[in-house]
Amino acid sequence: MGIGGSIFLIALGAILAFAVDASIGFLDLYVVGWVLMLAGLVGLILTMFYWRSRRQTVVRPTTQGEVVEEYREVRRPGPPV
């Protein structure tokens, strides 16, 4: 869902629960607002948990004298300049 979608659901639910004073015969907007806020909160927690698990770093001890080198060559397509 993402952070943006979760915040949107929370905001929409708060508007329906606290600001709208309308009555639809078979639908209670107060309850719908609370359900949307709860769904947004669950989505936000799951998104944060997912992001946290992706950002864990792995530390590997190196031995003495071990050298790691990287070389990257970037070429542009077309004739050489």
PDB file of N, CA and C in Angstrom:
ATOM      1  N   MET A   1       0.831  -1.181   0.000  1.00  0.00           N
ATOM      2  CA  MET A   1       0.000   0.000   0.000  1.00  0.00           C
ATOM      3  C   MET A   1       0.876   1.244   0.000  1.00  0.00           C
ATOM      4  N   GLY A   2       1.906   1.285   0.769  1.00  0.00           N
ATOM      5  CA  GLY A   2       2.796   2.429   0.815  1.00  0.00           C
ATOM      6  C   GLY A   2       2.399   3.429   1.877  1.00  0.00           C
ATOM      7  N   ILE A   3       3.323   4.331   2.142  1.00  0.00           N
ATOM      8  CA  ILE A   3       3.089   5.336   3.177  1.00  0.00           C
ATOM      9  C   ILE A   3       2.012   6.320   2.738  1.00  0.00           C
ATOM     10  N   GLY A   4       2.063   6.733   1.486  1.00  0.00           N
ATOM     11  CA  GLY A   4       1.086   7.713   1.001  1.00  0.00           C
ATOM     12  C   GLY A   4      -0.338   7.188   1.046  1.00  0.00           C
ATOM     13  N   GLY A   5      -0.528   5.963   0.597  1.00  0.00           N
ATOM     14  CA  GLY A   5      -1.863   5.369   0.633  1.00  0.00           C
ATOM     15  C   GLY A   5      -2.368   5.176   2.048  1.00  0.00           C
ATOM     16  N   SER A   6      -1.476   4.805   2.945  1.00  0.00           N
ATOM     17  CA  SER A   6      -1.874   4.621   4.343  1.00  0.00           C
ATOM     18  C   SER A   6      -2.287   5.938   4.981  1.00  0.00           C
ATOM     19  N   ILE A   7      -1.513   6.973   4.741  1.00  0.00           N
ATOM     20  CA  ILE A   7      -1.862   8.285   5.304  1.00  0.00           C
ATOM     21  C   ILE A   7      -3.168   8.797   4.708  1.00  0.00           C
ATOM     22  N   PHE A   8      -3.380   8.534   3.409  1.00  0.00           N
ATOM     23  CA  PHE A   8      -4.638   8.934   2.776  1.00  0.00           C
ATOM     24  C   PHE A   8      -5.823   8.233   3.435  1.00  0.00           C
ATOM     25  N   LEU A   9      -5.710   6.926   3.681  1.00  0.00           N
ATOM     26  CA  LEU A   9      -6.804   6.208   4.333  1.00  0.00           C
ATOM     27  C   LEU A   9      -7.065   6.714   5.745  1.00  0.00           C
ATOM     28  N   ILE A  10      -6.003   7.019   6.462  1.00  0.00           N
ATOM     29  CA  ILE A  10      -6.168   7.548   7.818  1.00  0.00           C
ATOM     30  C   ILE A  10      -6.879   8.897   7.781  1.00  0.00           C
ATOM     31  N   ALA A  11      -6.461   9.761   6.855  1.00  0.00           N
ATOM     32  CA  ALA A  11      -7.081  11.086   6.752  1.00  0.00           C
ATOM     33  C   ALA A  11      -8.540  10.982   6.308  1.00  0.00           C
ATOM     34  N   LEU A  12      -8.814  10.151   5.323  1.00  0.00           N
ATOM     35  CA  LEU A  12     -10.195   9.983   4.859  1.00  0.00           C
ATOM     36  C   LEU A  12     -11.072   9.398   5.962  1.00  0.00           C
ATOM     37  N   GLY A  13     -10.541   8.433   6.695  1.00  0.00           N
ATOM     38  CA  GLY A  13     -11.300   7.862   7.802  1.00  0.00           C
ATOM     39  C   GLY A  13     -11.580   8.870   8.901  1.00  0.00           C
ATOM     40  N   ALA A  14     -10.588   9.725   9.188  1.00  0.00           N
ATOM     41  CA  ALA A  14     -10.803  10.753  10.215  1.00  0.00           C
ATOM     42  C   ALA A  14     -11.861  11.758   9.772  1.00  0.00           C
ATOM     43  N   ILE A  15     -11.850  12.101   8.502  1.00  0.00           N
ATOM     44  CA  ILE A  15     -12.879  13.025   7.998  1.00  0.00           C
ATOM     45  C   ILE A  15     -14.256  12.397   8.124  1.00  0.00           C
ATOM     46  N   LEU A  16     -14.377  11.144   7.719  1.00  0.00           N
ATOM     47  CA  LEU A  16     -15.686  10.491   7.806  1.00  0.00           C
ATOM     48  C   LEU A  16     -16.127  10.274   9.253  1.00  0.00           C
ATOM     49  N   ALA A  17     -15.195   9.971  10.135  1.00  0.00           N
ATOM     50  CA  ALA A  17     -15.571   9.674  11.523  1.00  0.00           C
ATOM     51  C   ALA A  17     -15.881  10.928  12.333  1.00  0.00           C
ATOM     52  N   PHE A  18     -15.131  12.003  12.095  1.00  0.00           N
ATOM     53  CA  PHE A  18     -15.259  13.155  12.987  1.00  0.00           C
ATOM     54  C   PHE A  18     -15.898  14.393  12.357  1.00  0.00           C
ATOM     55  N   ALA A  19     -15.843  14.531  11.039  1.00  0.00           N
ATOM     56  CA  ALA A  19     -16.286  15.780  10.432  1.00  0.00           C
ATOM     57  C   ALA A  19     -17.622  15.656   9.697  1.00  0.00           C
ATOM     58  N   VAL A  20     -17.953  14.506   9.204  1.00  0.00           N
ATOM     59  CA  VAL A  20     -19.172  14.359   8.411  1.00  0.00           C
ATOM     60  C   VAL A  20     -20.323  13.997   9.343  1.00  0.00           C
ATOM     61  N   ASP A  21     -21.391  14.761   9.208  1.00  0.00           N
ATOM     62  CA  ASP A  21     -22.577  14.504  10.016  1.00  0.00           C
ATOM     63  C   ASP A  21     -23.746  14.233   9.069  1.00  0.00           C
ATOM     64  N   ALA A  22     -23.601  13.164   8.302  1.00  0.00           N
ATOM     65  CA  ALA A  22     -24.643  12.792   7.347  1.00  0.00           C
ATOM     66  C   ALA A  22     -25.177  11.421   7.727  1.00  0.00           C
ATOM     67  N   SER A  23     -26.360  11.157   7.268  1.00  0.00           N
ATOM     68  CA  SER A  23     -26.974   9.876   7.595  1.00  0.00           C
ATOM     69  C   SER A  23     -27.389   9.188   6.306  1.00  0.00           C
ATOM     70  N   ILE A  24     -26.836   8.016   6.103  1.00  0.00           N
ATOM     71  CA  ILE A  24     -27.254   7.160   5.005  1.00  0.00           C
ATOM     72  C   ILE A  24     -27.962   5.988   5.671  1.00  0.00           C
ATOM     73  N   GLY A  25     -29.121   5.644   5.194  1.00  0.00           N
ATOM     74  CA  GLY A  25     -29.990   4.681   5.867  1.00  0.00           C
ATOM     75  C   GLY A  25     -29.306   3.417   6.349  1.00  0.00           C
ATOM     76  N   PHE A  26     -28.600   2.731   5.514  1.00  0.00           N
ATOM     77  CA  PHE A  26     -28.033   1.432   5.871  1.00  0.00           C
ATOM     78  C   PHE A  26     -26.548   1.486   6.194  1.00  0.00           C
ATOM     79  N   LEU A  27     -25.909   2.671   6.090  1.00  0.00           N
ATOM     80  CA  LEU A  27     -24.463   2.777   6.244  1.00  0.00           C
ATOM     81  C   LEU A  27     -24.135   3.809   7.319  1.00  0.00           C
ATOM     82  N   ASP A  28     -23.383   3.395   8.304  1.00  0.00           N
ATOM     83  CA  ASP A  28     -22.961   4.300   9.364  1.00  0.00           C
ATOM     84  C   ASP A  28     -21.581   4.852   9.010  1.00  0.00           C
ATOM     85  N   LEU A  29     -21.498   6.129   8.648  1.00  0.00           N
ATOM     86  CA  LEU A  29     -20.241   6.734   8.218  1.00  0.00           C
ATOM     87  C   LEU A  29     -19.230   6.822   9.353  1.00  0.00           C
ATOM     88  N   TYR A  30     -19.681   6.884  10.576  1.00  0.00           N
ATOM     89  CA  TYR A  30     -18.783   6.886  11.730  1.00  0.00           C
ATOM     90  C   TYR A  30     -17.980   5.587  11.788  1.00  0.00           C
ATOM     91  N   VAL A  31     -18.656   4.461  11.605  1.00  0.00           N
ATOM     92  CA  VAL A  31     -17.985   3.161  11.630  1.00  0.00           C
ATOM     93  C   VAL A  31     -17.089   2.997  10.411  1.00  0.00           C
ATOM     94  N   VAL A  32     -17.542   3.444   9.249  1.00  0.00           N
ATOM     95  CA  VAL A  32     -16.724   3.368   8.036  1.00  0.00           C
ATOM     96  C   VAL A  32     -15.438   4.169   8.225  1.00  0.00           C
ATOM     97  N   GLY A  33     -15.531   5.327   8.850  1.00  0.00           N
ATOM     98  CA  GLY A  33     -14.350   6.143   9.117  1.00  0.00           C
ATOM     99  C   GLY A  33     -13.351   5.439  10.007  1.00  0.00           C
ATOM    100  N   TRP A  34     -13.842   4.808  11.055  1.00  0.00           N
ATOM    101  CA  TRP A  34     -12.940   4.081  11.962  1.00  0.00           C
ATOM    102  C   TRP A  34     -12.306   2.871  11.279  1.00  0.00           C
ATOM    103  N   VAL A  35     -13.052   2.198  10.419  1.00  0.00           N
ATOM    104  CA  VAL A  35     -12.500   1.053   9.691  1.00  0.00           C
ATOM    105  C   VAL A  35     -11.404   1.531   8.733  1.00  0.00           C
ATOM    106  N   LEU A  36     -11.630   2.641   8.046  1.00  0.00           N
ATOM    107  CA  LEU A  36     -10.607   3.178   7.146  1.00  0.00           C
ATOM    108  C   LEU A  36      -9.360   3.610   7.911  1.00  0.00           C
ATOM    109  N   MET A  37      -9.553   4.237   9.064  1.00  0.00           N
ATOM    110  CA  MET A  37      -8.389   4.624   9.862  1.00  0.00           C
ATOM    111  C   MET A  37      -7.612   3.395  10.337  1.00  0.00           C
ATOM    112  N   LEU A  38      -8.306   2.366  10.736  1.00  0.00           N
ATOM    113  CA  LEU A  38      -7.641   1.142  11.172  1.00  0.00           C
ATOM    114  C   LEU A  38      -6.889   0.482  10.011  1.00  0.00           C
ATOM    115  N   ALA A  39      -7.502   0.435   8.839  1.00  0.00           N
ATOM    116  CA  ALA A  39      -6.842  -0.150   7.669  1.00  0.00           C
ATOM    117  C   ALA A  39      -5.602   0.659   7.295  1.00  0.00           C
ATOM    118  N   GLY A  40      -5.685   1.985   7.379  1.00  0.00           N
ATOM    119  CA  GLY A  40      -4.526   2.819   7.093  1.00  0.00           C
ATOM    120  C   GLY A  40      -3.409   2.620   8.101  1.00  0.00           C
ATOM    121  N   LEU A  41      -3.758   2.458   9.349  1.00  0.00           N
ATOM    122  CA  LEU A  41      -2.750   2.232  10.392  1.00  0.00           C
ATOM    123  C   LEU A  41      -2.059   0.879  10.203  1.00  0.00           C
ATOM    124  N   VAL A  42      -2.829  -0.153   9.886  1.00  0.00           N
ATOM    125  CA  VAL A  42      -2.245  -1.474   9.635  1.00  0.00           C
ATOM    126  C   VAL A  42      -1.334  -1.415   8.409  1.00  0.00           C
ATOM    127  N   GLY A  43      -1.780  -0.738   7.361  1.00  0.00           N
ATOM    128  CA  GLY A  43      -0.949  -0.592   6.169  1.00  0.00           C
ATOM    129  C   GLY A  43       0.331   0.157   6.453  1.00  0.00           C
ATOM    130  N   LEU A  44       0.271   1.182   7.277  1.00  0.00           N
ATOM    131  CA  LEU A  44       1.460   1.954   7.630  1.00  0.00           C
ATOM    132  C   LEU A  44       2.442   1.108   8.440  1.00  0.00           C
ATOM    133  N   ILE A  45       1.937   0.334   9.380  1.00  0.00           N
ATOM    134  CA  ILE A  45       2.802  -0.530  10.192  1.00  0.00           C
ATOM    135  C   ILE A  45       3.455  -1.601   9.324  1.00  0.00           C
ATOM    136  N   LEU A  46       2.690  -2.215   8.433  1.00  0.00           N
ATOM    137  CA  LEU A  46       3.256  -3.235   7.554  1.00  0.00           C
ATOM    138  C   LEU A  46       4.305  -2.648   6.610  1.00  0.00           C
ATOM    139  N   THR A  47       4.060  -1.454   6.106  1.00  0.00           N
ATOM    140  CA  THR A  47       5.032  -0.806   5.222  1.00  0.00           C
ATOM    141  C   THR A  47       6.319  -0.512   5.969  1.00  0.00           C
ATOM    142  N   MET A  48       6.217   0.011   7.179  1.00  0.00           N
ATOM    143  CA  MET A  48       7.414   0.297   7.966  1.00  0.00           C
ATOM    144  C   MET A  48       8.176  -0.987   8.305  1.00  0.00           C
ATOM    145  N   PHE A  49       7.455  -2.051   8.622  1.00  0.00           N
ATOM    146  CA  PHE A  49       8.114  -3.324   8.921  1.00  0.00           C
ATOM    147  C   PHE A  49       8.828  -3.855   7.683  1.00  0.00           C
ATOM    148  N   TYR A  50       8.179  -3.745   6.520  1.00  0.00           N
ATOM    149  CA  TYR A  50       8.779  -4.225   5.280  1.00  0.00           C
ATOM    150  C   TYR A  50      10.028  -3.418   4.947  1.00  0.00           C
ATOM    151  N   TRP A  51       9.968  -2.105   5.093  1.00  0.00           N
ATOM    152  CA  TRP A  51      11.135  -1.261   4.798  1.00  0.00           C
ATOM    153  C   TRP A  51      12.268  -1.545   5.772  1.00  0.00           C
ATOM    154  N   ARG A  52      11.936  -1.799   7.044  1.00  0.00           N
ATOM    155  CA  ARG A  52      12.972  -2.065   8.035  1.00  0.00           C
ATOM    156  C   ARG A  52      13.697  -3.370   7.728  1.00  0.00           C
ATOM    157  N   SER A  53      12.963  -4.377   7.291  1.00  0.00           N
ATOM    158  CA  SER A  53      13.589  -5.655   7.001  1.00  0.00           C
ATOM    159  C   SER A  53      14.456  -5.582   5.749  1.00  0.00           C
ATOM    160  N   ARG A  54      14.167  -4.668   4.842  1.00  0.00           N
ATOM    161  CA  ARG A  54      14.968  -4.528   3.625  1.00  0.00           C
ATOM    162  C   ARG A  54      16.249  -3.756   3.865  1.00  0.00           C
ATOM    163  N   ARG A  55      16.303  -2.951   4.912  1.00  0.00           N
ATOM    164  CA  ARG A  55      17.440  -2.074   5.128  1.00  0.00           C
ATOM    165  C   ARG A  55      18.457  -2.612   6.123  1.00  0.00           C
ATOM    166  N   GLN A  56      18.414  -3.866   6.436  1.00  0.00           N
ATOM    167  CA  GLN A  56      19.382  -4.426   7.364  1.00  0.00           C
ATOM    168  C   GLN A  56      20.712  -4.602   6.650  1.00  0.00           C
ATOM    169  N   THR A  57      21.774  -4.261   7.325  1.00  0.00           N
ATOM    170  CA  THR A  57      23.102  -4.394   6.744  1.00  0.00           C
ATOM    171  C   THR A  57      23.755  -5.670   7.237  1.00  0.00           C
ATOM    172  N   VAL A  58      24.595  -6.210   6.420  1.00  0.00           N
ATOM    173  CA  VAL A  58      25.328  -7.428   6.765  1.00  0.00           C
ATOM    174  C   VAL A  58      26.790  -7.046   6.926  1.00  0.00           C
ATOM    175  N   VAL A  59      27.358  -7.335   8.083  1.00  0.00           N
ATOM    176  CA  VAL A  59      28.746  -7.015   8.362  1.00  0.00           C
ATOM    177  C   VAL A  59      29.535  -8.311   8.359  1.00  0.00           C
ATOM    178  N   ARG A  60      30.586  -8.341   7.536  1.00  0.00           N
ATOM    179  CA  ARG A  60      31.412  -9.531   7.435  1.00  0.00           C
ATOM    180  C   ARG A  60      32.818  -9.160   7.863  1.00  0.00           C
ATOM    181  N   PRO A  61      33.375  -9.869   8.831  1.00  0.00           N
ATOM    182  CA  PRO A  61      34.730  -9.534   9.253  1.00  0.00           C
ATOM    183  C   PRO A  61      35.733  -9.865   8.138  1.00  0.00           C
ATOM    184  N   THR A  62      36.718  -8.999   7.961  1.00  0.00           N
ATOM    185  CA  THR A  62      37.743  -9.224   6.939  1.00  0.00           C
ATOM    186  C   THR A  62      39.004  -9.770   7.595  1.00  0.00           C
ATOM    187  N   THR A  63      39.769 -10.476   6.813  1.00  0.00           N
ATOM    188  CA  THR A  63      41.042 -10.992   7.313  1.00  0.00           C
ATOM    189  C   THR A  63      42.118  -9.942   7.089  1.00  0.00           C
ATOM    190  N   GLN A  64      43.225 -10.084   7.758  1.00  0.00           N
ATOM    191  CA  GLN A  64      44.327  -9.128   7.624  1.00  0.00           C
ATOM    192  C   GLN A  64      44.876  -9.168   6.201  1.00  0.00           C
ATOM    193  N   GLY A  65      45.054  -8.015   5.608  1.00  0.00           N
ATOM    194  CA  GLY A  65      45.660  -7.916   4.291  1.00  0.00           C
ATOM    195  C   GLY A  65      44.685  -8.128   3.146  1.00  0.00           C
ATOM    196  N   GLU A  66      43.435  -8.357   3.422  1.00  0.00           N
ATOM    197  CA  GLU A  66      42.470  -8.567   2.353  1.00  0.00           C
ATOM    198  C   GLU A  66      42.109  -7.217   1.742  1.00  0.00           C
ATOM    199  N   VAL A  67      42.257  -7.121   0.447  1.00  0.00           N
ATOM    200  CA  VAL A  67      41.953  -5.874  -0.255  1.00  0.00           C
ATOM    201  C   VAL A  67      40.844  -6.154  -1.255  1.00  0.00           C
ATOM    202  N   VAL A  68      39.869  -5.317  -1.223  1.00  0.00           N
ATOM    203  CA  VAL A  68      38.761  -5.447  -2.156  1.00  0.00           C
ATOM    204  C   VAL A  68      38.786  -4.239  -3.070  1.00  0.00           C
ATOM    205  N   GLU A  69      38.835  -4.482  -4.368  1.00  0.00           N
ATOM    206  CA  GLU A  69      38.856  -3.394  -5.339  1.00  0.00           C
ATOM    207  C   GLU A  69      37.671  -3.547  -6.274  1.00  0.00           C
ATOM    208  N   GLU A  70      37.123  -2.422  -6.647  1.00  0.00           N
ATOM    209  CA  GLU A  70      36.058  -2.408  -7.633  1.00  0.00           C
ATOM    210  C   GLU A  70      36.464  -1.494  -8.761  1.00  0.00           C
ATOM    211  N   TYR A  71      36.150  -1.908  -9.958  1.00  0.00           N
ATOM    212  CA  TYR A  71      36.427  -1.083 -11.122  1.00  0.00           C
ATOM    213  C   TYR A  71      35.163  -1.056 -11.961  1.00  0.00           C
ATOM    214  N   ARG A  72      34.762   0.128 -12.336  1.00  0.00           N
ATOM    215  CA  ARG A  72      33.556   0.278 -13.125  1.00  0.00           C
ATOM    216  C   ARG A  72      33.862   1.144 -14.328  1.00  0.00           C
ATOM    217  N   GLU A  73      33.552   0.631 -15.479  1.00  0.00           N
ATOM    218  CA  GLU A  73      33.782   1.372 -16.708  1.00  0.00           C
ATOM    219  C   GLU A  73      32.435   1.661 -17.340  1.00  0.00           C
ATOM    220  N   VAL A  74      32.211   2.921 -17.625  1.00  0.00           N
ATOM    221  CA  VAL A  74      30.950   3.336 -18.223  1.00  0.00           C
ATOM    222  C   VAL A  74      31.250   3.848 -19.624  1.00  0.00           C
ATOM    223  N   ARG A  75      30.612   3.268 -20.604  1.00  0.00           N
ATOM    224  CA  ARG A  75      30.806   3.692 -21.991  1.00  0.00           C
ATOM    225  C   ARG A  75      29.487   4.218 -22.539  1.00  0.00           C
ATOM    226  N   ARG A  76      29.596   5.280 -23.271  1.00  0.00           N
ATOM    227  CA  ARG A  76      28.420   5.827 -23.939  1.00  0.00           C
ATOM    228  C   ARG A  76      28.319   5.232 -25.331  1.00  0.00           C
ATOM    229  N   PRO A  77      27.122   4.955 -25.774  1.00  0.00           N
ATOM    230  CA  PRO A  77      26.973   4.400 -27.117  1.00  0.00           C
ATOM    231  C   PRO A  77      27.316   5.461 -28.166  1.00  0.00           C
ATOM    232  N   GLY A  78      27.826   5.013 -29.280  1.00  0.00           N
ATOM    233  CA  GLY A  78      28.154   5.919 -30.378  1.00  0.00           C
ATOM    234  C   GLY A  78      29.637   5.976 -30.617  1.00  0.00           C
ATOM    235  N   PRO A  79      30.037   6.826 -31.546  1.00  0.00           N
ATOM    236  CA  PRO A  79      31.465   6.922 -31.864  1.00  0.00           C
ATOM    237  C   PRO A  79      32.244   7.563 -30.745  1.00  0.00           C
ATOM    238  N   PRO A  80      33.520   7.185 -30.598  1.00  0.00           N
ATOM    239  CA  PRO A  80      34.331   7.774 -29.542  1.00  0.00           C
ATOM    240  C   PRO A  80      34.564   9.257 -29.794  1.00  0.00           C
ATOM    241  N   VAL A  81      34.633   9.991 -28.730  1.00  0.00           N
ATOM    242  CA  VAL A  81      34.824  11.448 -28.846  1.00  0.00           C
ATOM    243  C   VAL A  81      36.255  11.807 -28.648  1.00  0.00           C
TER     244      VAL A  81
END
